[in-house]
Amino acid sequence: MQAAAPGLRERKKAETRAALRAAAVRLFLERGPAAVTVSDICEAAGVSARTFFNYFDAKEEALLPWDKHLIEEVITGLAARPAAEPPLTAVRQAIEQTLPSLTASTGWQACDRVLTAYPELRTTIVQGMIRNETRLADALAKRAGETGGSLYPQLLAGAAASAFRAVFSVWAPETGTAGLQALVGEAFDRLAAGLPPSRPAPASAAGSPLAGEANSLGTPCREA
């Protein structure tokens, strides 16, 4: 399914998020993250602090694709999916609808340069990822009529978030929304199929020590 083109309101939001991200990255590279405040970023982007926190929970999260605003878009999209739709399909479709606004942001290579230069930022970013996965898990639990502590919503949210991070790590920004869409589709197809490997295991694997141990226990060896 091709992601729908965003409307005017969504484009404005995407532009604001992109401006905040660009300002944060530029200031981080110029001054170092410790010397940059949320107020500095807002001033550079021409927005209020309230607007900043509509998009990010902390200044470091401006470097994070899987950010607070994106999760809110996914949750909104998830609520609009048919109730009978399989959960993995519903999450996939909800994520795909966010891709045009995500690819409106530029300078992802600069984000990588910041994280390479200041690896201490990763701690805060990981905390943001966990918060956002929890938000998604709560929405999935609500959709399924389960409690927030149920295993399946947590697993599905974690799988979706991991798939998105993996996709983003190999996506070439110059391929735009179409390239990102193709990778998201491949990732979720693989999840739906039980994560089969890209290539079958070599025949020599049958003679490996692990295979021999399995046979000695009376367990048939199976190729992946």
Protein backbone atom coordinates (compact mmCIF):
# COMPACT_ATOMS: atom_id res chain seq x y z
CA MET A 1 0.00 0.00 0.00
CA GLN A 2 1.39 3.38 -0.98
CA ALA A 3 1.51 5.97 1.77
CA ALA A 4 -1.02 8.73 1.26
CA ALA A 5 0.25 12.22 0.57
CA PRO A 6 0.02 14.33 3.74
CA GLY A 7 -2.50 17.16 3.95
CA LEU A 8 -1.66 20.80 4.69
CA ARG A 9 -1.84 20.37 8.47
CA GLU A 10 0.42 17.32 8.37
CA ARG A 11 2.87 19.11 6.06
CA LYS A 12 3.06 22.04 8.48
CA LYS A 13 3.77 19.69 11.35
CA ALA A 14 6.43 17.91 9.33
CA GLU A 15 8.06 21.24 8.47
CA THR A 16 8.10 22.28 12.13
CA ARG A 17 9.62 19.00 13.21
CA ALA A 18 12.22 19.23 10.45
CA ALA A 19 13.10 22.80 11.46
CA LEU A 20 13.55 21.79 15.11
CA ARG A 21 15.65 18.81 14.16
CA ALA A 22 17.85 20.86 11.83
CA ALA A 23 18.36 23.56 14.48
CA ALA A 24 19.25 21.00 17.14
CA VAL A 25 21.75 19.21 14.92
CA ARG A 26 23.42 22.45 13.83
CA LEU A 27 23.75 23.73 17.38
CA PHE A 28 24.98 20.39 18.70
CA LEU A 29 27.71 20.31 16.06
CA GLU A 30 28.66 23.95 16.63
CA ARG A 31 28.66 24.06 20.45
CA GLY A 32 28.44 20.51 21.73
CA PRO A 33 25.20 19.13 23.21
CA ALA A 34 26.01 20.13 26.79
CA ALA A 35 26.12 23.81 25.78
CA VAL A 36 22.77 23.71 23.95
CA THR A 37 19.40 24.20 25.66
CA VAL A 38 15.86 23.61 24.47
CA SER A 39 15.45 27.42 24.47
CA ASP A 40 18.43 27.73 22.10
CA ILE A 41 16.88 25.23 19.72
CA CYS A 42 13.49 26.95 19.84
CA GLU A 43 15.03 30.35 19.19
CA ALA A 44 16.97 29.01 16.21
CA ALA A 45 13.85 27.33 14.80
CA GLY A 46 11.54 30.26 15.56
CA VAL A 47 9.08 28.32 17.72
CA SER A 48 8.03 28.21 21.38
CA ALA A 49 9.19 25.71 23.99
CA ARG A 50 5.61 24.41 24.14
CA THR A 51 5.81 23.60 20.44
CA PHE A 52 9.15 21.84 20.96
CA PHE A 53 7.67 19.54 23.59
CA ASN A 54 4.79 18.67 21.29
CA TYR A 55 7.38 16.87 19.19
CA PHE A 56 10.14 15.77 21.55
CA ASP A 57 10.47 14.91 25.24
CA ALA A 58 14.11 16.07 25.43
CA LYS A 59 16.59 17.93 23.24
CA GLU A 60 18.47 14.70 22.44
CA GLU A 61 15.33 13.18 20.94
CA ALA A 62 15.57 15.58 18.02
CA LEU A 63 18.13 13.06 16.71
CA LEU A 64 15.65 10.20 16.93
CA PRO A 65 13.45 9.17 13.96
CA TRP A 66 11.19 7.05 16.24
CA ASP A 67 10.20 10.17 18.16
CA LYS A 68 7.22 11.16 20.31
CA HIS A 69 5.32 12.86 17.49
CA LEU A 70 5.84 9.95 15.11
CA ILE A 71 4.47 7.53 17.70
CA GLU A 72 1.42 9.73 18.19
CA GLU A 73 0.84 9.68 14.43
CA VAL A 74 1.18 5.88 14.43
CA ILE A 75 -1.26 5.54 17.35
CA THR A 76 -3.77 7.82 15.61
CA GLY A 77 -3.45 5.75 12.45
CA LEU A 78 -3.77 2.54 14.43
CA ALA A 79 -7.06 3.70 15.94
CA ALA A 80 -8.44 4.25 12.43
CA ARG A 81 -7.63 0.72 11.21
CA PRO A 82 -10.45 -1.88 10.95
CA ALA A 83 -11.00 -3.72 14.23
CA ALA A 84 -10.80 -7.12 12.52
CA GLU A 85 -7.46 -6.36 10.84
CA PRO A 86 -4.56 -8.51 12.13
CA PRO A 87 -2.50 -6.48 14.64
CA LEU A 88 0.78 -6.73 12.71
CA THR A 89 -0.92 -5.53 9.53
CA ALA A 90 -2.59 -2.66 11.39
CA VAL A 91 0.72 -1.48 12.85
CA ARG A 92 2.41 -1.74 9.46
CA GLN A 93 -0.28 0.32 7.76
CA ALA A 94 -0.21 2.92 10.55
CA ILE A 95 3.57 3.26 10.27
CA GLU A 96 3.46 3.52 6.49
CA GLN A 97 1.12 6.49 6.73
CA THR A 98 3.77 8.43 8.68
CA LEU A 99 6.55 7.99 6.12
CA PRO A 100 5.93 11.12 4.00
CA SER A 101 6.13 13.38 7.06
CA LEU A 102 9.22 11.55 8.29
CA THR A 103 11.09 11.89 5.03
CA ALA A 104 10.29 15.62 4.97
CA SER A 105 13.07 15.93 7.56
CA THR A 106 16.56 16.14 6.13
CA GLY A 107 20.07 15.97 7.53
CA TRP A 108 19.95 12.43 8.87
CA GLN A 109 23.66 12.00 8.09
CA ALA A 110 24.32 15.02 10.31
CA CYS A 111 22.36 13.32 13.11
CA ASP A 112 24.69 10.35 12.74
CA ARG A 113 27.71 12.66 12.99
CA VAL A 114 26.39 14.08 16.26
CA LEU A 115 25.86 10.62 17.73
CA THR A 116 29.32 9.51 16.61
CA ALA A 117 30.95 12.58 18.14
CA TYR A 118 28.89 12.46 21.36
CA PRO A 119 28.05 8.80 22.13
CA GLU A 120 26.86 9.77 25.62
CA LEU A 121 23.67 11.03 23.96
CA ARG A 122 22.66 7.47 23.19
CA THR A 123 21.56 6.85 26.78
CA THR A 124 18.88 9.54 26.60
CA ILE A 125 17.88 8.42 23.12
CA VAL A 126 17.43 4.81 24.26
CA GLN A 127 15.25 6.04 27.12
CA GLY A 128 13.14 7.91 24.57
CA MET A 129 12.84 4.78 22.45
CA ILE A 130 11.61 2.81 25.46
CA ARG A 131 9.01 5.48 26.31
CA ASN A 132 7.74 5.46 22.75
CA GLU A 133 7.56 1.68 22.55
CA THR A 134 5.55 1.72 25.79
CA ARG A 135 3.14 4.25 24.26
CA LEU A 136 2.66 1.99 21.27
CA ALA A 137 2.25 -1.12 23.45
CA ASP A 138 -0.42 0.64 25.51
CA ALA A 139 -2.31 1.57 22.33
CA LEU A 140 -2.08 -2.02 21.04
CA ALA A 141 -3.33 -3.36 24.36
CA LYS A 142 -6.27 -0.97 24.29
CA ARG A 143 -7.10 -1.99 20.72
CA ALA A 144 -7.06 -5.68 21.71
CA GLY A 145 -8.96 -5.14 24.96
CA GLU A 146 -5.98 -6.39 26.98
CA THR A 147 -4.23 -4.94 30.00
CA GLY A 148 -1.13 -2.81 29.51
CA GLY A 149 1.04 -5.48 31.12
CA SER A 150 0.05 -8.24 28.68
CA LEU A 151 2.89 -9.90 26.80
CA TYR A 152 1.59 -9.74 23.23
CA PRO A 153 1.23 -5.93 22.94
CA GLN A 154 4.73 -5.53 24.39
CA LEU A 155 6.16 -8.04 21.93
CA LEU A 156 4.41 -6.48 18.96
CA ALA A 157 5.44 -2.94 19.89
CA GLY A 158 9.03 -4.07 20.39
CA ALA A 159 9.06 -5.94 17.07
CA ALA A 160 7.62 -2.95 15.20
CA ALA A 161 10.07 -0.54 16.80
CA SER A 162 13.01 -2.84 16.12
CA ALA A 163 11.93 -3.28 12.52
CA PHE A 164 11.69 0.48 12.09
CA ARG A 165 15.15 1.04 13.58
CA ALA A 166 16.63 -1.65 11.35
CA VAL A 167 14.97 -0.11 8.29
CA PHE A 168 16.22 3.34 9.16
CA SER A 169 19.78 2.09 9.63
CA VAL A 170 19.95 0.90 6.00
CA TRP A 171 17.69 3.46 4.32
CA ALA A 172 19.42 5.81 1.90
CA PRO A 173 17.75 9.25 2.37
CA GLU A 174 18.19 10.10 -1.30
CA THR A 175 15.66 7.34 -2.14
CA GLY A 176 12.97 9.35 -0.33
CA THR A 177 9.61 8.03 0.77
CA ALA A 178 9.51 5.33 -1.93
CA GLY A 179 12.79 3.81 -0.74
CA LEU A 180 11.71 3.91 2.89
CA GLN A 181 8.32 2.45 1.98
CA ALA A 182 9.96 -0.49 0.21
CA LEU A 183 12.17 -1.26 3.20
CA VAL A 184 9.28 -1.02 5.67
CA GLY A 185 7.28 -3.39 3.46
CA GLU A 186 10.15 -5.88 3.32
CA ALA A 187 10.70 -5.70 7.09
CA PHE A 188 7.06 -6.37 7.94
CA ASP A 189 6.77 -9.09 5.30
CA ARG A 190 9.69 -10.83 6.98
CA LEU A 191 8.13 -10.43 10.42
CA ALA A 192 4.84 -11.86 9.15
CA ALA A 193 6.69 -14.83 7.65
CA GLY A 194 8.54 -15.58 10.89
CA LEU A 195 11.81 -13.85 9.96
CA PRO A 196 13.11 -16.33 7.36
CA PRO A 197 16.78 -15.77 6.44
CA SER A 198 17.67 -14.09 3.16
CA ARG A 199 19.50 -17.24 2.06
CA PRO A 200 18.97 -20.85 3.12
CA ALA A 201 21.52 -22.31 5.51
CA PRO A 202 24.41 -24.02 3.69
CA ALA A 203 24.22 -27.79 3.41
CA SER A 204 27.45 -28.09 5.41
CA ALA A 205 25.57 -26.84 8.46
CA ALA A 206 24.21 -30.37 8.87
CA GLY A 207 27.70 -31.52 9.81
CA SER A 208 28.30 -28.79 12.39
CA PRO A 209 28.95 -29.65 16.07
CA LEU A 210 25.54 -28.25 17.03
CA ALA A 211 23.83 -30.42 14.44
CA GLY A 212 25.68 -33.49 15.70
CA GLU A 213 24.65 -32.69 19.26
CA ALA A 214 21.03 -32.35 18.19
CA ASN A 215 21.17 -35.73 16.40
CA SER A 216 22.74 -37.36 19.45
CA LEU A 217 19.71 -36.23 21.44
CA GLY A 218 17.38 -37.82 18.94
CA THR A 219 16.27 -34.46 17.51
CA PRO A 220 16.17 -34.30 13.70
CA CYS A 221 18.32 -31.58 12.15
CA ARG A 222 16.35 -29.09 10.09
CA GLU A 223 17.70 -26.50 7.76
CA ALA A 224 16.54 -22.94 8.48
